[in-house]
Amino acid sequence: MTDTQGSDGSDSSENSGSSGGLPSAGVSSSADAADTAERISSELYDLIGIKGKASEPGPGVSECEDKDPEKFFQVFHAWTFTPASADQLDGVMERLKKELPEHGWKVVEYGPDTSKNKNLSLTADNDEKKHSVKIGHFAKDESPNLNLMVVSGCYEVPDGEKVNDF
């Protein structure tokens, strides 16, 4: 399921039920799918487990590769977590790597990225929820933070409906 919006482009999905390497996320309206992505982001926020502030952007909609954009869509929710103090992020990625599987997530990639700062990155899939998350730990930024990108599988709108962009 790992694909699209802010990911490194690798597809580590074993469950590629639709074209483009993305599994089907089922049938849903765009609004309901966006609500699901926000709930998943809230669960991830809780798992971070430290005091801080999350940015407020809402979910967005994108097309599913090689699918009719009037009927098929993917939801993404990008947000940033900034801790109350930078040292609170020490060890958070290692803890998330351990705790995410206890909550239905499978860590499919973990380690430094290719930037000069070698930012720590974690990608995890949740087959039950049909979502993936990529978390980047930007420890050397002026304001250290975590960047999160939650991405769904490919949804199909109910019969008679069209995909609504936000």
N, C-alpha and C. Protein backbone atom coordinates (compact mmCIF):
# COMPACT_ATOMS: atom_id res chain seq x y z
N MET A 1 0.81 -1.18 0.00
CA MET A 1 0.00 0.00 0.00
C MET A 1 0.86 1.25 0.00
N THR A 2 2.07 1.16 0.42
CA THR A 2 2.93 2.32 0.52
C THR A 2 3.14 2.90 -0.87
N ASP A 3 2.66 4.12 -1.08
CA ASP A 3 2.74 4.75 -2.38
C ASP A 3 2.30 6.20 -2.25
N THR A 4 2.58 7.03 -3.23
CA THR A 4 2.07 8.37 -3.47
C THR A 4 2.49 9.43 -2.45
N GLN A 5 1.99 10.62 -2.64
CA GLN A 5 2.12 11.80 -1.81
C GLN A 5 3.23 11.77 -0.76
N GLY A 6 4.40 12.19 -1.10
CA GLY A 6 5.44 12.35 -0.11
C GLY A 6 6.20 11.08 0.22
N SER A 7 5.86 9.97 -0.41
CA SER A 7 6.62 8.76 -0.12
C SER A 7 7.79 8.69 -1.07
N ASP A 8 8.63 7.73 -0.87
CA ASP A 8 9.81 7.62 -1.71
C ASP A 8 9.51 6.88 -3.00
N GLY A 9 8.25 6.52 -3.24
CA GLY A 9 7.87 5.87 -4.47
C GLY A 9 7.97 4.37 -4.43
N SER A 10 8.55 3.80 -3.39
CA SER A 10 8.63 2.36 -3.34
C SER A 10 7.27 1.80 -2.97
N ASP A 11 6.96 0.65 -3.53
CA ASP A 11 5.69 0.01 -3.22
C ASP A 11 5.98 -1.33 -2.59
N SER A 12 5.80 -1.39 -1.29
CA SER A 12 6.11 -2.62 -0.57
C SER A 12 4.86 -3.43 -0.28
N SER A 13 3.79 -3.12 -0.98
CA SER A 13 2.53 -3.80 -0.71
C SER A 13 2.55 -5.22 -1.22
N GLU A 14 2.03 -6.10 -0.42
CA GLU A 14 1.82 -7.47 -0.87
C GLU A 14 0.38 -7.64 -1.30
N ASN A 15 -0.46 -6.65 -1.00
CA ASN A 15 -1.88 -6.72 -1.26
C ASN A 15 -2.24 -5.68 -2.30
N SER A 16 -1.86 -5.91 -3.55
CA SER A 16 -2.10 -4.91 -4.58
C SER A 16 -3.33 -5.29 -5.38
N GLY A 17 -4.49 -5.10 -4.79
CA GLY A 17 -5.74 -5.48 -5.39
C GLY A 17 -6.21 -4.55 -6.49
N SER A 18 -5.55 -3.43 -6.73
CA SER A 18 -5.94 -2.54 -7.81
C SER A 18 -4.70 -2.09 -8.54
N SER A 19 -4.91 -1.50 -9.70
CA SER A 19 -3.76 -1.06 -10.48
C SER A 19 -3.00 0.01 -9.73
N GLY A 20 -1.76 0.21 -10.11
CA GLY A 20 -0.94 1.21 -9.45
C GLY A 20 -0.35 0.69 -8.16
N GLY A 21 -0.57 -0.58 -7.83
CA GLY A 21 0.01 -1.15 -6.63
C GLY A 21 -0.75 -0.84 -5.36
N LEU A 22 -1.89 -0.17 -5.46
CA LEU A 22 -2.66 0.19 -4.28
C LEU A 22 -3.80 -0.79 -4.05
N PRO A 23 -3.98 -1.22 -2.83
CA PRO A 23 -5.12 -2.10 -2.55
C PRO A 23 -6.41 -1.30 -2.56
N SER A 24 -7.50 -1.99 -2.75
CA SER A 24 -8.80 -1.35 -2.64
C SER A 24 -9.05 -1.01 -1.18
N ALA A 25 -9.54 0.19 -0.94
CA ALA A 25 -9.91 0.60 0.41
C ALA A 25 -11.42 0.47 0.61
N GLY A 26 -12.12 0.00 -0.42
CA GLY A 26 -13.55 -0.19 -0.31
C GLY A 26 -14.32 0.94 -0.98
N VAL A 27 -15.61 1.01 -0.63
CA VAL A 27 -16.50 2.02 -1.19
C VAL A 27 -16.77 3.07 -0.12
N SER A 28 -16.62 4.33 -0.50
CA SER A 28 -16.82 5.41 0.47
C SER A 28 -16.98 6.73 -0.27
N SER A 29 -17.70 7.65 0.36
CA SER A 29 -17.71 9.02 -0.15
C SER A 29 -16.37 9.67 0.20
N SER A 30 -16.02 10.71 -0.53
CA SER A 30 -14.78 11.43 -0.25
C SER A 30 -14.77 11.97 1.18
N ALA A 31 -15.91 12.50 1.62
CA ALA A 31 -15.99 13.10 2.96
C ALA A 31 -15.78 12.05 4.04
N ASP A 32 -16.41 10.88 3.90
CA ASP A 32 -16.24 9.83 4.91
C ASP A 32 -14.80 9.30 4.92
N ALA A 33 -14.21 9.18 3.73
CA ALA A 33 -12.82 8.72 3.65
C ALA A 33 -11.88 9.73 4.30
N ALA A 34 -12.16 11.02 4.12
CA ALA A 34 -11.35 12.06 4.75
C ALA A 34 -11.48 11.99 6.27
N ASP A 35 -12.70 11.75 6.76
CA ASP A 35 -12.90 11.59 8.20
C ASP A 35 -12.09 10.42 8.74
N THR A 36 -12.04 9.32 7.99
CA THR A 36 -11.26 8.16 8.40
C THR A 36 -9.78 8.52 8.49
N ALA A 37 -9.27 9.22 7.49
CA ALA A 37 -7.85 9.62 7.50
C ALA A 37 -7.55 10.52 8.70
N GLU A 38 -8.46 11.41 9.03
CA GLU A 38 -8.25 12.27 10.20
C GLU A 38 -8.27 11.47 11.50
N ARG A 39 -9.15 10.47 11.58
CA ARG A 39 -9.18 9.61 12.78
C ARG A 39 -7.86 8.85 12.92
N ILE A 40 -7.36 8.34 11.81
CA ILE A 40 -6.09 7.60 11.84
C ILE A 40 -4.96 8.54 12.25
N SER A 41 -4.96 9.76 11.74
CA SER A 41 -3.95 10.74 12.14
C SER A 41 -4.04 11.03 13.64
N SER A 42 -5.26 11.11 14.16
CA SER A 42 -5.43 11.35 15.60
C SER A 42 -4.88 10.19 16.42
N GLU A 43 -5.11 8.96 15.94
CA GLU A 43 -4.56 7.79 16.64
C GLU A 43 -3.03 7.84 16.64
N LEU A 44 -2.45 8.24 15.51
CA LEU A 44 -0.99 8.36 15.42
C LEU A 44 -0.48 9.47 16.34
N TYR A 45 -1.21 10.56 16.40
CA TYR A 45 -0.85 11.66 17.31
C TYR A 45 -0.78 11.12 18.74
N ASP A 46 -1.79 10.35 19.13
CA ASP A 46 -1.80 9.77 20.48
C ASP A 46 -0.62 8.84 20.70
N LEU A 47 -0.23 8.08 19.66
CA LEU A 47 0.90 7.16 19.80
C LEU A 47 2.22 7.91 19.94
N ILE A 48 2.31 9.10 19.38
CA ILE A 48 3.55 9.88 19.55
C ILE A 48 3.81 10.09 21.04
N GLY A 49 2.76 10.34 21.78
CA GLY A 49 2.81 10.29 23.23
C GLY A 49 3.59 11.38 23.94
N ILE A 50 3.84 12.49 23.29
CA ILE A 50 4.52 13.60 23.96
C ILE A 50 3.73 14.89 23.71
N LYS A 51 3.96 15.87 24.56
CA LYS A 51 3.26 17.14 24.40
C LYS A 51 3.84 17.90 23.22
N GLY A 52 2.94 18.52 22.49
CA GLY A 52 3.37 19.30 21.35
C GLY A 52 2.16 19.80 20.58
N LYS A 53 2.42 20.28 19.37
CA LYS A 53 1.36 20.86 18.56
C LYS A 53 1.39 20.24 17.17
N ALA A 54 0.20 19.89 16.68
CA ALA A 54 0.07 19.38 15.32
C ALA A 54 -0.43 20.49 14.41
N SER A 55 0.09 20.51 13.20
CA SER A 55 -0.42 21.47 12.21
C SER A 55 -1.86 21.09 11.87
N GLU A 56 -2.60 22.01 11.31
CA GLU A 56 -4.04 21.84 11.13
C GLU A 56 -4.53 21.55 9.71
N PRO A 57 -3.69 21.25 8.74
CA PRO A 57 -4.27 21.07 7.41
C PRO A 57 -5.17 19.84 7.38
N GLY A 58 -6.21 19.94 6.60
CA GLY A 58 -7.12 18.80 6.47
C GLY A 58 -6.67 17.87 5.37
N PRO A 59 -7.35 16.76 5.25
CA PRO A 59 -7.02 15.78 4.21
C PRO A 59 -7.26 16.33 2.81
N GLY A 60 -6.63 15.69 1.86
CA GLY A 60 -6.83 16.01 0.45
C GLY A 60 -7.16 14.74 -0.32
N VAL A 61 -7.57 14.93 -1.56
CA VAL A 61 -7.95 13.82 -2.43
C VAL A 61 -7.01 13.82 -3.63
N SER A 62 -6.60 12.63 -4.04
CA SER A 62 -5.82 12.49 -5.25
C SER A 62 -6.37 11.32 -6.06
N GLU A 63 -5.94 11.24 -7.30
CA GLU A 63 -6.42 10.17 -8.18
C GLU A 63 -5.70 8.86 -7.88
N CYS A 64 -6.37 7.77 -8.19
CA CYS A 64 -5.74 6.45 -8.17
C CYS A 64 -5.19 6.21 -9.58
N GLU A 65 -3.95 5.85 -9.67
CA GLU A 65 -3.30 5.66 -10.94
C GLU A 65 -4.08 4.69 -11.82
N ASP A 66 -4.25 5.07 -13.08
CA ASP A 66 -4.91 4.23 -14.09
C ASP A 66 -6.36 3.89 -13.77
N LYS A 67 -7.01 4.72 -12.97
CA LYS A 67 -8.43 4.51 -12.64
C LYS A 67 -9.22 5.76 -13.02
N ASP A 68 -10.51 5.60 -13.25
CA ASP A 68 -11.39 6.71 -13.59
C ASP A 68 -11.42 7.71 -12.43
N PRO A 69 -10.92 8.94 -12.64
CA PRO A 69 -10.85 9.92 -11.55
C PRO A 69 -12.22 10.42 -11.09
N GLU A 70 -13.28 10.11 -11.83
CA GLU A 70 -14.63 10.47 -11.40
C GLU A 70 -15.17 9.47 -10.37
N LYS A 71 -14.59 8.26 -10.34
CA LYS A 71 -15.13 7.20 -9.47
C LYS A 71 -14.14 6.69 -8.42
N PHE A 72 -12.84 6.86 -8.66
CA PHE A 72 -11.82 6.30 -7.77
C PHE A 72 -10.93 7.41 -7.22
N PHE A 73 -10.55 7.28 -5.98
CA PHE A 73 -9.73 8.31 -5.36
C PHE A 73 -8.95 7.73 -4.18
N GLN A 74 -7.98 8.51 -3.77
CA GLN A 74 -7.15 8.20 -2.62
C GLN A 74 -7.18 9.43 -1.72
N VAL A 75 -7.10 9.22 -0.41
CA VAL A 75 -7.07 10.33 0.53
C VAL A 75 -5.68 10.41 1.14
N PHE A 76 -5.18 11.62 1.30
CA PHE A 76 -3.90 11.81 1.99
C PHE A 76 -4.09 12.88 3.05
N HIS A 77 -3.33 12.76 4.11
CA HIS A 77 -3.38 13.76 5.20
C HIS A 77 -1.95 14.00 5.66
N ALA A 78 -1.41 15.13 5.26
CA ALA A 78 -0.04 15.52 5.65
C ALA A 78 -0.13 16.49 6.82
N TRP A 79 0.68 16.23 7.83
CA TRP A 79 0.71 17.15 8.98
C TRP A 79 2.06 17.06 9.67
N THR A 80 2.32 18.07 10.48
CA THR A 80 3.59 18.17 11.20
C THR A 80 3.32 18.21 12.69
N PHE A 81 4.14 17.48 13.43
CA PHE A 81 4.08 17.51 14.89
C PHE A 81 5.33 18.20 15.40
N THR A 82 5.15 19.27 16.17
CA THR A 82 6.26 20.00 16.77
C THR A 82 6.15 19.84 18.28
N PRO A 83 7.17 19.25 18.92
CA PRO A 83 7.10 19.02 20.36
C PRO A 83 7.24 20.31 21.15
N ALA A 84 6.79 20.26 22.40
CA ALA A 84 6.95 21.41 23.29
C ALA A 84 8.42 21.76 23.46
N SER A 85 9.29 20.76 23.52
CA SER A 85 10.74 21.00 23.52
C SER A 85 11.41 19.92 22.67
N ALA A 86 12.43 20.33 21.94
CA ALA A 86 13.06 19.47 20.94
C ALA A 86 13.57 18.15 21.52
N ASP A 87 14.08 18.15 22.75
CA ASP A 87 14.64 16.93 23.31
C ASP A 87 13.58 15.85 23.56
N GLN A 88 12.30 16.24 23.53
CA GLN A 88 11.24 15.25 23.71
C GLN A 88 11.19 14.26 22.54
N LEU A 89 11.73 14.64 21.40
CA LEU A 89 11.71 13.75 20.24
C LEU A 89 12.80 12.67 20.32
N ASP A 90 13.73 12.80 21.25
CA ASP A 90 14.78 11.79 21.39
C ASP A 90 14.15 10.43 21.63
N GLY A 91 14.44 9.48 20.79
CA GLY A 91 13.96 8.11 20.96
C GLY A 91 12.54 7.86 20.49
N VAL A 92 11.83 8.90 20.04
CA VAL A 92 10.42 8.70 19.66
C VAL A 92 10.28 7.77 18.44
N MET A 93 11.18 7.86 17.49
CA MET A 93 11.08 7.00 16.31
C MET A 93 11.30 5.53 16.66
N GLU A 94 12.26 5.28 17.53
CA GLU A 94 12.51 3.90 17.96
C GLU A 94 11.30 3.35 18.71
N ARG A 95 10.69 4.21 19.53
CA ARG A 95 9.50 3.79 20.27
C ARG A 95 8.34 3.52 19.31
N LEU A 96 8.15 4.40 18.32
CA LEU A 96 7.08 4.19 17.34
C LEU A 96 7.31 2.91 16.54
N LYS A 97 8.57 2.64 16.21
CA LYS A 97 8.89 1.41 15.47
C LYS A 97 8.45 0.19 16.27
N LYS A 98 8.58 0.25 17.58
CA LYS A 98 8.20 -0.86 18.45
C LYS A 98 6.68 -0.89 18.68
N GLU A 99 6.07 0.28 18.89
CA GLU A 99 4.67 0.32 19.29
C GLU A 99 3.67 0.26 18.13
N LEU A 100 4.02 0.73 16.95
CA LEU A 100 3.08 0.70 15.84
C LEU A 100 2.57 -0.72 15.55
N PRO A 101 3.45 -1.74 15.53
CA PRO A 101 2.95 -3.10 15.29
C PRO A 101 1.95 -3.59 16.35
N GLU A 102 2.04 -3.06 17.55
CA GLU A 102 1.09 -3.42 18.61
C GLU A 102 -0.30 -2.84 18.34
N HIS A 103 -0.38 -1.93 17.36
CA HIS A 103 -1.64 -1.28 17.01
C HIS A 103 -2.04 -1.58 15.57
N GLY A 104 -1.57 -2.69 15.03
CA GLY A 104 -2.00 -3.14 13.71
C GLY A 104 -1.17 -2.65 12.54
N TRP A 105 -0.10 -1.94 12.81
CA TRP A 105 0.76 -1.42 11.74
C TRP A 105 1.94 -2.35 11.51
N LYS A 106 2.33 -2.50 10.26
CA LYS A 106 3.52 -3.27 9.91
C LYS A 106 4.58 -2.29 9.40
N VAL A 107 5.70 -2.21 10.11
CA VAL A 107 6.78 -1.32 9.69
C VAL A 107 7.46 -1.95 8.48
N VAL A 108 7.43 -1.25 7.35
CA VAL A 108 7.98 -1.79 6.11
C VAL A 108 9.30 -1.12 5.71
N GLU A 109 9.60 0.00 6.35
CA GLU A 109 10.86 0.69 6.07
C GLU A 109 11.23 1.51 7.30
N TYR A 110 12.51 1.49 7.64
CA TYR A 110 12.97 2.25 8.79
C TYR A 110 14.45 2.55 8.61
N GLY A 111 14.84 3.78 8.83
CA GLY A 111 16.25 4.13 8.75
C GLY A 111 16.43 5.55 8.28
N PRO A 112 17.68 5.97 8.10
CA PRO A 112 17.96 7.33 7.66
C PRO A 112 17.57 7.53 6.20
N ASP A 113 17.12 8.74 5.87
CA ASP A 113 16.83 9.04 4.48
C ASP A 113 18.12 9.40 3.75
N THR A 114 18.01 9.85 2.53
CA THR A 114 19.21 10.13 1.72
C THR A 114 19.65 11.59 1.79
N SER A 115 19.01 12.39 2.63
CA SER A 115 19.39 13.80 2.73
C SER A 115 20.73 13.93 3.45
N LYS A 116 21.34 15.12 3.36
CA LYS A 116 22.62 15.33 4.04
C LYS A 116 22.47 15.21 5.56
N ASN A 117 21.28 15.50 6.08
CA ASN A 117 21.04 15.39 7.52
C ASN A 117 20.73 13.96 7.98
N LYS A 118 20.52 13.07 7.02
CA LYS A 118 20.20 11.66 7.34
C LYS A 118 19.02 11.59 8.32
N ASN A 119 17.94 12.30 7.97
CA ASN A 119 16.75 12.29 8.82
C ASN A 119 16.20 10.87 8.93
N LEU A 120 15.79 10.51 10.12
CA LEU A 120 15.23 9.18 10.35
C LEU A 120 13.83 9.12 9.76
N SER A 121 13.54 8.03 9.06
CA SER A 121 12.25 7.87 8.39
C SER A 121 11.67 6.50 8.71
N LEU A 122 10.35 6.45 8.86
CA LEU A 122 9.65 5.21 9.15
C LEU A 122 8.41 5.15 8.26
N THR A 123 8.21 4.03 7.60
CA THR A 123 7.00 3.81 6.80
C THR A 123 6.33 2.57 7.34
N ALA A 124 5.00 2.67 7.54
CA ALA A 124 4.24 1.54 8.07
C ALA A 124 2.91 1.43 7.35
N ASP A 125 2.45 0.20 7.16
CA ASP A 125 1.17 -0.09 6.53
C ASP A 125 0.23 -0.71 7.55
N ASN A 126 -1.04 -0.38 7.42
CA ASN A 126 -2.07 -1.01 8.24
C ASN A 126 -3.08 -1.63 7.28
N ASP A 127 -2.95 -2.94 7.07
CA ASP A 127 -3.80 -3.62 6.09
C ASP A 127 -5.27 -3.59 6.49
N GLU A 128 -5.56 -3.65 7.77
CA GLU A 128 -6.95 -3.62 8.22
C GLU A 128 -7.59 -2.27 7.93
N LYS A 129 -6.85 -1.20 8.16
CA LYS A 129 -7.38 0.15 7.94
C LYS A 129 -7.17 0.62 6.50
N LYS A 130 -6.40 -0.13 5.73
CA LYS A 130 -6.10 0.22 4.33
C LYS A 130 -5.45 1.59 4.22
N HIS A 131 -4.51 1.85 5.13
CA HIS A 131 -3.77 3.11 5.13
C HIS A 131 -2.29 2.84 5.39
N SER A 132 -1.48 3.78 4.95
CA SER A 132 -0.05 3.78 5.22
C SER A 132 0.31 5.11 5.86
N VAL A 133 1.43 5.10 6.57
CA VAL A 133 1.95 6.35 7.11
C VAL A 133 3.46 6.38 6.88
N LYS A 134 3.93 7.55 6.51
CA LYS A 134 5.38 7.79 6.45
C LYS A 134 5.67 8.91 7.43
N ILE A 135 6.60 8.64 8.34
CA ILE A 135 6.96 9.60 9.38
C ILE A 135 8.43 9.96 9.19
N GLY A 136 8.71 11.23 9.10
CA GLY A 136 10.08 11.71 9.02
C GLY A 136 10.41 12.50 10.28
N HIS A 137 11.56 12.20 10.86
CA HIS A 137 12.02 12.90 12.06
C HIS A 137 13.10 13.89 11.62
N PHE A 138 12.76 15.16 11.68
CA PHE A 138 13.67 16.21 11.24
C PHE A 138 14.33 16.82 12.46
N ALA A 139 15.30 16.10 13.01
CA ALA A 139 15.95 16.47 14.27
C ALA A 139 16.85 17.70 14.13
N LYS A 140 17.37 17.94 12.93
CA LYS A 140 18.33 19.02 12.76
C LYS A 140 17.72 20.29 12.22
N ASP A 141 16.41 20.31 12.04
CA ASP A 141 15.74 21.53 11.61
C ASP A 141 15.83 22.58 12.72
N GLU A 142 15.63 23.83 12.35
CA GLU A 142 15.65 24.91 13.34
C GLU A 142 14.64 24.63 14.45
N SER A 143 13.50 24.10 14.05
CA SER A 143 12.49 23.67 15.01
C SER A 143 12.25 22.18 14.78
N PRO A 144 12.96 21.29 15.49
CA PRO A 144 12.83 19.85 15.25
C PRO A 144 11.37 19.41 15.29
N ASN A 145 11.02 18.49 14.39
CA ASN A 145 9.63 18.06 14.27
C ASN A 145 9.53 16.69 13.64
N LEU A 146 8.31 16.19 13.62
CA LEU A 146 7.96 14.99 12.88
C LEU A 146 7.02 15.40 11.76
N ASN A 147 7.29 14.94 10.55
CA ASN A 147 6.37 15.14 9.43
C ASN A 147 5.67 13.82 9.19
N LEU A 148 4.35 13.84 9.11
CA LEU A 148 3.58 12.63 8.87
C LEU A 148 2.76 12.76 7.60
N MET A 149 2.73 11.68 6.83
CA MET A 149 1.88 11.61 5.64
C MET A 149 1.09 10.32 5.75
N VAL A 150 -0.21 10.46 5.97
CA VAL A 150 -1.12 9.33 6.03
C VAL A 150 -1.78 9.23 4.67
N VAL A 151 -1.78 8.03 4.09
CA VAL A 151 -2.31 7.82 2.74
C VAL A 151 -3.20 6.58 2.74
N SER A 152 -4.35 6.68 2.09
CA SER A 152 -5.27 5.55 2.00
C SER A 152 -4.96 4.68 0.79
N GLY A 153 -5.62 3.53 0.77
CA GLY A 153 -5.67 2.73 -0.44
C GLY A 153 -6.61 3.44 -1.42
N CYS A 154 -7.02 2.76 -2.46
CA CYS A 154 -7.87 3.35 -3.49
C CYS A 154 -9.34 3.08 -3.18
N TYR A 155 -10.09 4.15 -2.95
CA TYR A 155 -11.52 4.06 -2.69
C TYR A 155 -12.30 4.17 -4.00
N GLU A 156 -13.50 3.62 -3.98
CA GLU A 156 -14.46 3.82 -5.06
C GLU A 156 -15.67 4.51 -4.45
N VAL A 157 -16.18 5.53 -5.13
CA VAL A 157 -17.37 6.22 -4.62
C VAL A 157 -18.59 5.34 -4.82
N PRO A 158 -19.60 5.49 -3.97
CA PRO A 158 -20.84 4.72 -4.14
C PRO A 158 -21.48 5.03 -5.50
N ASP A 159 -22.26 4.08 -6.00
CA ASP A 159 -22.96 4.28 -7.27
C ASP A 159 -23.73 5.59 -7.27
N GLY A 160 -23.64 6.32 -8.37
CA GLY A 160 -24.35 7.59 -8.49
C GLY A 160 -23.63 8.79 -7.93
N GLU A 161 -22.50 8.58 -7.24
CA GLU A 161 -21.74 9.71 -6.69
C GLU A 161 -20.46 9.93 -7.49
N LYS A 162 -19.89 11.11 -7.31
CA LYS A 162 -18.61 11.44 -7.94
C LYS A 162 -17.62 11.81 -6.84
N VAL A 163 -16.35 11.74 -7.18
CA VAL A 163 -15.30 12.13 -6.24
C VAL A 163 -15.39 13.63 -6.01
N ASN A 164 -15.37 14.03 -4.74
CA ASN A 164 -15.34 15.44 -4.38
C ASN A 164 -13.94 15.81 -3.93
N ASP A 165 -13.36 16.82 -4.58
CA ASP A 165 -12.06 17.33 -4.16
C ASP A 165 -12.27 18.31 -3.02
N PHE A 166 -11.26 18.47 -2.19
CA PHE A 166 -11.36 19.43 -1.08
C PHE A 166 -10.56 20.66 -1.40
